[in-house]
Amino acid sequence: MSGQHKIYTMTSRRLRDLIGSSECTLSHLYTSIWGYARLHGLKRPRGTLQTDDQLAAVFGRRGVIHYSDLPQLLSPLISLGRASPPGSIGSPSQAGYDGFVADVRRPKLYRPSDELKFVLQSQRQREICTFEEAVNVVKNYAIDKGLILDVHPMFIVTDSVLRPLFPAASVPLGMLGNFLWYALSPSAIVTTDFPKEYFAPPTTVTPNPALAAIIGGGSKTSHEILLDVAAYVIREGLQKEGRVVVDDRLAALNSSWRAGCVIDKLTLFKRVVWSTVNEAASVELPVRHPLRRPTALSKIFDAV
């Protein structure tokens, strides 16, 4: 893998705020910085840019910066590779991340603004979504509508739907995340409310009838099902002091629950996972499959 395509983690909070991402490639990082400079009128002749307050806070210096100075200035602010989840072996210290640890497998959950809801595709995303989903949906919308300006760096031309989200007639593609941060507010349901299945590799499962009455039938991943139930809780206004008020549909998930009782969010989402059937685990082996051949040990147990 070439250096331009390796993933780097932004260890500086100010740099993350500038580019709107906690990790990216070097090519994306440089493009985002120059896109920011062009958007704010900071580009100067001969490959230089003039720092404003935000760039000065990132680089720790004011004045004119040449393109060739960027590797030296950015080196202390980035780290090669994706960040490890907190508490895992080899996980960087909290201080090394400027008070923040980027967790790739635990994307934060947000509630989109009314302007962003016009672009989001599903009802669930309009209730609760990740930052990555918001960025990808806007990108796909721009592609479908032919709003990508094929120059270097690439720009998105805003139409009547995107204009409330962006302050200009066009924005650099690399700066898309910067503007979308303002259209997202933290959700009352966070990823730490979910069980471990949310962070595991996606597996396709089928909801049982009680769960299907809440989120609909059909096979989905555990990740999607948990987010669908979270959106249902938000949409129905079932949160109370950091917990969940059980309604008639949620009560059907557990025989010991009654409508009106209050439970922890983690308890609810664990029950949601238990209310699914793993399709891969329910596959019957053929009669003549090698794993079904009788062995000496199986004959002993069969005889008991």
Protein backbone atom coordinates (compact mmCIF):
# COMPACT_ATOMS: atom_id res chain seq x y z
CA MET A 1 0.00 0.00 0.00
CA SER A 2 1.44 3.33 -1.02
CA GLY A 3 1.99 6.09 1.51
CA GLN A 4 -0.74 8.24 -0.06
CA HIS A 5 -3.34 5.48 0.56
CA LYS A 6 -2.39 4.52 4.11
CA ILE A 7 -4.83 5.50 6.84
CA TYR A 8 -3.66 8.05 9.41
CA THR A 9 -5.36 8.97 12.68
CA MET A 10 -5.68 12.64 13.57
CA THR A 11 -4.23 12.97 17.09
CA SER A 12 -4.94 16.71 17.24
CA ARG A 13 -8.44 17.80 18.15
CA ARG A 14 -8.05 21.07 16.19
CA LEU A 15 -6.95 19.17 13.06
CA ARG A 16 -9.94 16.85 13.35
CA ASP A 17 -12.25 19.84 13.62
CA LEU A 18 -10.65 21.37 10.54
CA ILE A 19 -11.03 18.37 8.19
CA GLY A 20 -14.15 16.89 9.80
CA SER A 21 -12.74 13.39 10.25
CA SER A 22 -10.75 11.45 12.83
CA GLU A 23 -8.82 9.47 10.19
CA CYS A 24 -8.01 9.78 6.49
CA THR A 25 -5.26 9.32 3.92
CA LEU A 26 -2.48 11.87 3.42
CA SER A 27 -3.92 12.78 0.03
CA HIS A 28 -7.31 13.53 1.59
CA LEU A 29 -5.64 15.48 4.41
CA TYR A 30 -3.66 17.76 2.07
CA THR A 31 -6.68 18.22 -0.23
CA SER A 32 -8.86 19.21 2.74
CA ILE A 33 -6.35 21.80 3.96
CA TRP A 34 -5.99 23.38 0.53
CA GLY A 35 -9.76 23.21 0.04
CA TYR A 36 -10.20 25.09 3.31
CA ALA A 37 -7.67 27.70 2.20
CA ARG A 38 -9.41 28.17 -1.16
CA LEU A 39 -12.86 28.37 0.45
CA HIS A 40 -11.73 31.10 2.86
CA GLY A 41 -9.62 33.06 0.37
CA LEU A 42 -6.31 32.13 2.02
CA LYS A 43 -4.45 30.80 -1.03
CA ARG A 44 -1.39 32.78 -2.07
CA PRO A 45 0.88 32.55 -5.16
CA ARG A 46 3.58 29.91 -5.63
CA GLY A 47 2.01 27.15 -3.57
CA THR A 48 1.57 29.10 -0.34
CA LEU A 49 -1.33 29.91 1.95
CA GLN A 50 -1.97 32.53 4.61
CA THR A 51 -3.03 31.19 8.00
CA ASP A 52 -6.18 32.44 9.69
CA ASP A 53 -7.01 31.87 13.36
CA GLN A 54 -8.12 28.26 12.82
CA LEU A 55 -5.06 27.27 10.76
CA ALA A 56 -2.77 29.06 13.20
CA ALA A 57 -4.29 27.05 16.05
CA VAL A 58 -3.67 23.81 14.12
CA PHE A 59 -0.08 24.50 13.04
CA GLY A 60 1.00 26.59 16.02
CA ARG A 61 2.28 29.45 13.88
CA ARG A 62 0.99 32.44 11.94
CA GLY A 63 2.00 33.84 8.60
CA VAL A 64 2.56 32.25 5.20
CA ILE A 65 2.99 28.47 4.89
CA HIS A 66 4.45 26.76 1.82
CA TYR A 67 3.13 23.44 0.55
CA SER A 68 6.53 21.84 1.20
CA ASP A 69 6.22 22.78 4.90
CA LEU A 70 3.05 20.71 5.43
CA PRO A 71 4.70 17.29 6.03
CA GLN A 72 6.87 18.73 8.82
CA LEU A 73 3.97 20.65 10.37
CA LEU A 74 1.51 17.75 10.16
CA SER A 75 3.87 15.01 11.35
CA PRO A 76 3.32 15.66 15.10
CA LEU A 77 -0.45 15.88 14.56
CA ILE A 78 -1.08 12.49 12.92
CA SER A 79 -0.35 8.84 13.62
CA LEU A 80 -0.01 6.03 11.07
CA GLY A 81 -2.79 3.45 11.23
CA ARG A 82 -6.25 3.27 12.69
CA ALA A 83 -6.67 3.86 16.39
CA SER A 84 -7.27 0.88 18.67
CA PRO A 85 -10.44 0.76 20.75
CA PRO A 86 -9.94 2.19 24.27
CA GLY A 87 -8.58 -0.36 26.71
CA SER A 88 -7.33 -2.75 24.03
CA ILE A 89 -3.77 -4.00 23.79
CA GLY A 90 -1.61 -1.40 22.11
CA SER A 91 -4.17 1.33 22.59
CA PRO A 92 -2.56 4.79 22.73
CA SER A 93 -2.76 6.73 25.96
CA GLN A 94 -5.53 9.26 26.47
CA ALA A 95 -3.03 12.10 26.74
CA GLY A 96 -1.52 11.17 23.39
CA TYR A 97 -4.86 11.87 21.77
CA ASP A 98 -5.31 15.38 23.11
CA GLY A 99 -8.16 14.24 25.34
CA PHE A 100 -9.76 12.07 22.67
CA VAL A 101 -9.35 8.49 21.49
CA ALA A 102 -10.60 7.78 17.98
CA ASP A 103 -12.58 4.55 18.05
CA VAL A 104 -13.19 3.31 14.54
CA ARG A 105 -15.63 0.59 15.56
CA ARG A 106 -17.74 2.80 17.79
CA PRO A 107 -19.11 5.59 15.60
CA LYS A 108 -20.96 8.24 17.56
CA LEU A 109 -24.70 8.57 17.04
CA TYR A 110 -26.37 11.84 16.11
CA ARG A 111 -29.75 13.41 15.48
CA PRO A 112 -29.83 15.24 12.12
CA SER A 113 -31.16 18.75 11.66
CA ASP A 114 -34.36 19.38 9.72
CA GLU A 115 -32.32 20.55 6.71
CA LEU A 116 -30.29 17.33 6.65
CA LYS A 117 -33.41 15.16 7.00
CA PHE A 118 -34.44 16.21 3.49
CA VAL A 119 -31.35 14.43 2.12
CA LEU A 120 -31.27 11.34 4.36
CA GLN A 121 -32.86 8.31 2.75
CA SER A 122 -34.49 6.20 5.46
CA GLN A 123 -36.84 6.99 8.33
CA ARG A 124 -34.32 5.50 10.75
CA GLN A 125 -31.55 7.83 9.54
CA ARG A 126 -33.87 10.79 10.04
CA GLU A 127 -34.18 9.80 13.70
CA ILE A 128 -30.61 8.67 14.42
CA CYS A 129 -27.53 8.26 12.23
CA THR A 130 -23.75 8.09 12.30
CA PHE A 131 -21.48 10.82 10.96
CA GLU A 132 -20.26 8.50 8.20
CA GLU A 133 -23.83 7.81 7.08
CA ALA A 134 -24.58 11.53 6.83
CA VAL A 135 -21.46 12.21 4.74
CA ASN A 136 -22.05 9.25 2.41
CA VAL A 137 -25.72 10.10 1.86
CA VAL A 138 -24.86 13.69 0.86
CA LYS A 139 -22.10 12.44 -1.46
CA ASN A 140 -24.45 9.94 -3.11
CA TYR A 141 -27.12 12.62 -3.48
CA ALA A 142 -24.61 14.92 -5.21
CA ILE A 143 -23.53 12.10 -7.54
CA ASP A 144 -27.11 11.14 -8.44
CA LYS A 145 -28.01 14.77 -9.17
CA GLY A 146 -24.84 15.43 -11.19
CA LEU A 147 -23.61 18.08 -8.73
CA ILE A 148 -19.95 16.96 -8.63
CA LEU A 149 -17.63 19.51 -10.24
CA ASP A 150 -14.75 17.47 -11.66
CA VAL A 151 -11.83 19.78 -10.94
CA HIS A 152 -8.91 19.42 -8.52
CA PRO A 153 -9.83 19.43 -5.73
CA MET A 154 -13.34 18.18 -6.51
CA PHE A 155 -16.26 20.42 -5.56
CA ILE A 156 -19.96 19.89 -4.87
CA VAL A 157 -22.30 22.43 -6.44
CA THR A 158 -25.16 23.10 -4.02
CA ASP A 159 -28.76 23.01 -5.23
CA SER A 160 -31.92 24.11 -3.43
CA VAL A 161 -31.81 21.02 -1.17
CA LEU A 162 -28.14 21.31 -0.19
CA ARG A 163 -27.98 25.11 0.03
CA PRO A 164 -29.40 25.25 3.62
CA LEU A 165 -26.55 22.95 4.71
CA PHE A 166 -23.72 24.90 3.08
CA PRO A 167 -22.91 28.61 3.05
CA ALA A 168 -21.65 28.80 -0.53
CA ALA A 169 -22.69 27.90 -4.06
CA SER A 170 -20.02 25.18 -4.08
CA VAL A 171 -17.91 23.46 -1.42
CA PRO A 172 -14.79 21.27 -1.70
CA LEU A 173 -15.61 17.59 -1.41
CA GLY A 174 -12.89 17.23 1.20
CA MET A 175 -14.57 19.88 3.35
CA LEU A 176 -17.98 18.20 3.31
CA GLY A 177 -17.65 16.82 6.83
CA ASN A 178 -16.77 20.24 8.27
CA PHE A 179 -20.13 21.68 7.33
CA LEU A 180 -22.17 18.59 8.24
CA TRP A 181 -20.96 18.74 11.84
CA TYR A 182 -23.23 21.77 12.26
CA ALA A 183 -26.23 19.75 11.05
CA LEU A 184 -25.76 17.01 13.68
CA SER A 185 -26.46 17.06 17.40
CA PRO A 186 -25.56 14.28 19.87
CA SER A 187 -28.20 11.61 20.30
CA ALA A 188 -29.57 10.70 23.72
CA ILE A 189 -28.86 7.06 22.82
CA VAL A 190 -25.13 6.38 22.47
CA THR A 191 -23.14 3.36 21.36
CA THR A 192 -22.21 2.45 24.94
CA ASP A 193 -25.90 1.62 25.42
CA PHE A 194 -25.53 -1.23 22.91
CA PRO A 195 -24.29 -4.77 23.64
CA LYS A 196 -21.15 -6.24 22.08
CA GLU A 197 -23.04 -7.50 19.01
CA TYR A 198 -23.20 -3.90 17.71
CA PHE A 199 -19.41 -3.79 17.41
CA ALA A 200 -18.91 -7.32 16.05
CA PRO A 201 -18.52 -8.01 12.32
CA PRO A 202 -21.96 -7.72 10.70
CA THR A 203 -24.02 -10.92 10.54
CA THR A 204 -27.44 -11.29 8.94
CA VAL A 205 -30.22 -12.14 11.38
CA THR A 206 -34.01 -12.40 11.25
CA PRO A 207 -36.22 -10.75 13.90
CA ASN A 208 -38.82 -12.86 15.69
CA PRO A 209 -42.52 -11.85 15.34
CA ALA A 210 -42.48 -9.61 18.44
CA LEU A 211 -39.43 -7.69 17.19
CA ALA A 212 -40.75 -7.61 13.62
CA ALA A 213 -43.84 -5.79 14.93
CA ILE A 214 -41.51 -2.94 15.98
CA ILE A 215 -39.03 -2.68 13.10
CA GLY A 216 -40.66 -4.70 10.33
CA GLY A 217 -39.79 -8.12 9.00
CA GLY A 218 -37.00 -9.21 6.73
CA SER A 219 -33.36 -10.07 7.29
CA LYS A 220 -31.02 -7.36 8.53
CA THR A 221 -27.68 -7.11 10.31
CA SER A 222 -27.58 -6.87 14.12
CA HIS A 223 -26.16 -3.36 13.67
CA GLU A 224 -29.18 -2.23 11.63
CA ILE A 225 -31.70 -3.85 13.96
CA LEU A 226 -30.26 -2.15 17.05
CA LEU A 227 -30.32 1.24 15.31
CA ASP A 228 -33.91 0.63 14.16
CA VAL A 229 -35.03 -0.06 17.73
CA ALA A 230 -33.10 3.01 18.96
CA ALA A 231 -34.93 5.11 16.36
CA TYR A 232 -38.25 3.63 17.53
CA VAL A 233 -37.51 4.58 21.15
CA ILE A 234 -36.65 8.15 20.09
CA ARG A 235 -39.63 8.48 17.73
CA GLU A 236 -42.14 7.26 20.34
CA GLY A 237 -40.63 9.41 23.11
CA LEU A 238 -39.96 6.43 25.41
CA GLN A 239 -36.85 7.83 27.11
CA LYS A 240 -37.08 8.87 30.74
CA GLU A 241 -34.08 10.02 32.80
CA GLY A 242 -31.60 7.96 30.80
CA ARG A 243 -33.80 4.83 30.78
CA VAL A 244 -36.58 3.43 28.59
CA VAL A 245 -40.30 3.30 29.37
CA VAL A 246 -41.71 0.00 28.05
CA ASP A 247 -44.78 0.26 25.82
CA ASP A 248 -47.01 -2.57 24.58
CA ARG A 249 -44.74 -3.48 21.66
CA LEU A 250 -41.57 -3.56 23.74
CA ALA A 251 -43.34 -5.57 26.44
CA ALA A 252 -43.92 -8.35 23.90
CA LEU A 253 -40.15 -8.93 23.74
CA ASN A 254 -40.00 -10.25 27.32
CA SER A 255 -42.77 -12.00 29.26
CA SER A 256 -41.62 -10.37 32.52
CA TRP A 257 -42.00 -6.83 31.16
CA ARG A 258 -45.19 -4.85 31.54
CA ALA A 259 -46.27 -1.69 29.75
CA GLY A 260 -45.24 1.31 31.81
CA CYS A 261 -42.28 -0.28 33.57
CA VAL A 262 -38.86 1.37 33.20
CA ILE A 263 -35.74 -0.57 32.14
CA ASP A 264 -32.13 0.20 31.34
CA LYS A 265 -31.28 0.83 27.70
CA LEU A 266 -28.62 -1.90 27.71
CA THR A 267 -31.19 -4.38 29.05
CA LEU A 268 -33.54 -3.51 26.18
CA PHE A 269 -30.91 -3.83 23.48
CA LYS A 270 -29.64 -7.15 24.87
CA ARG A 271 -33.19 -8.48 24.66
CA VAL A 272 -33.39 -7.17 21.07
CA VAL A 273 -30.33 -9.24 20.14
CA TRP A 274 -31.84 -12.32 21.81
CA SER A 275 -35.01 -11.78 19.77
CA THR A 276 -33.22 -12.53 16.50
CA VAL A 277 -32.26 -15.74 14.73
CA ASN A 278 -28.83 -16.07 13.17
CA GLU A 279 -29.45 -17.38 9.66
CA ALA A 280 -25.98 -18.89 9.37
CA ALA A 281 -26.45 -20.82 12.62
CA SER A 282 -29.80 -22.28 11.54
CA VAL A 283 -28.52 -23.99 8.39
CA GLU A 284 -29.02 -27.79 8.46
CA LEU A 285 -26.07 -29.92 7.40
CA PRO A 286 -26.72 -32.47 4.65
CA VAL A 287 -27.19 -36.03 5.89
CA ARG A 288 -23.97 -37.20 4.22
CA HIS A 289 -21.92 -34.19 5.38
CA PRO A 290 -18.53 -35.25 6.89
CA LEU A 291 -19.40 -33.54 10.17
CA ARG A 292 -22.45 -35.80 10.55
CA ARG A 293 -20.58 -39.09 10.12
CA PRO A 294 -20.72 -41.30 13.23
CA THR A 295 -17.53 -41.54 15.24
CA ALA A 296 -16.45 -43.85 18.04
CA LEU A 297 -17.27 -41.18 20.60
CA SER A 298 -20.71 -40.43 19.13
CA LYS A 299 -21.58 -44.15 19.17
CA ILE A 300 -20.88 -44.25 22.92
CA PHE A 301 -23.24 -41.32 23.60
CA ASP A 302 -25.89 -42.68 21.22
CA ALA A 303 -25.90 -45.94 23.13
CA VAL A 304 -26.57 -44.23 26.47
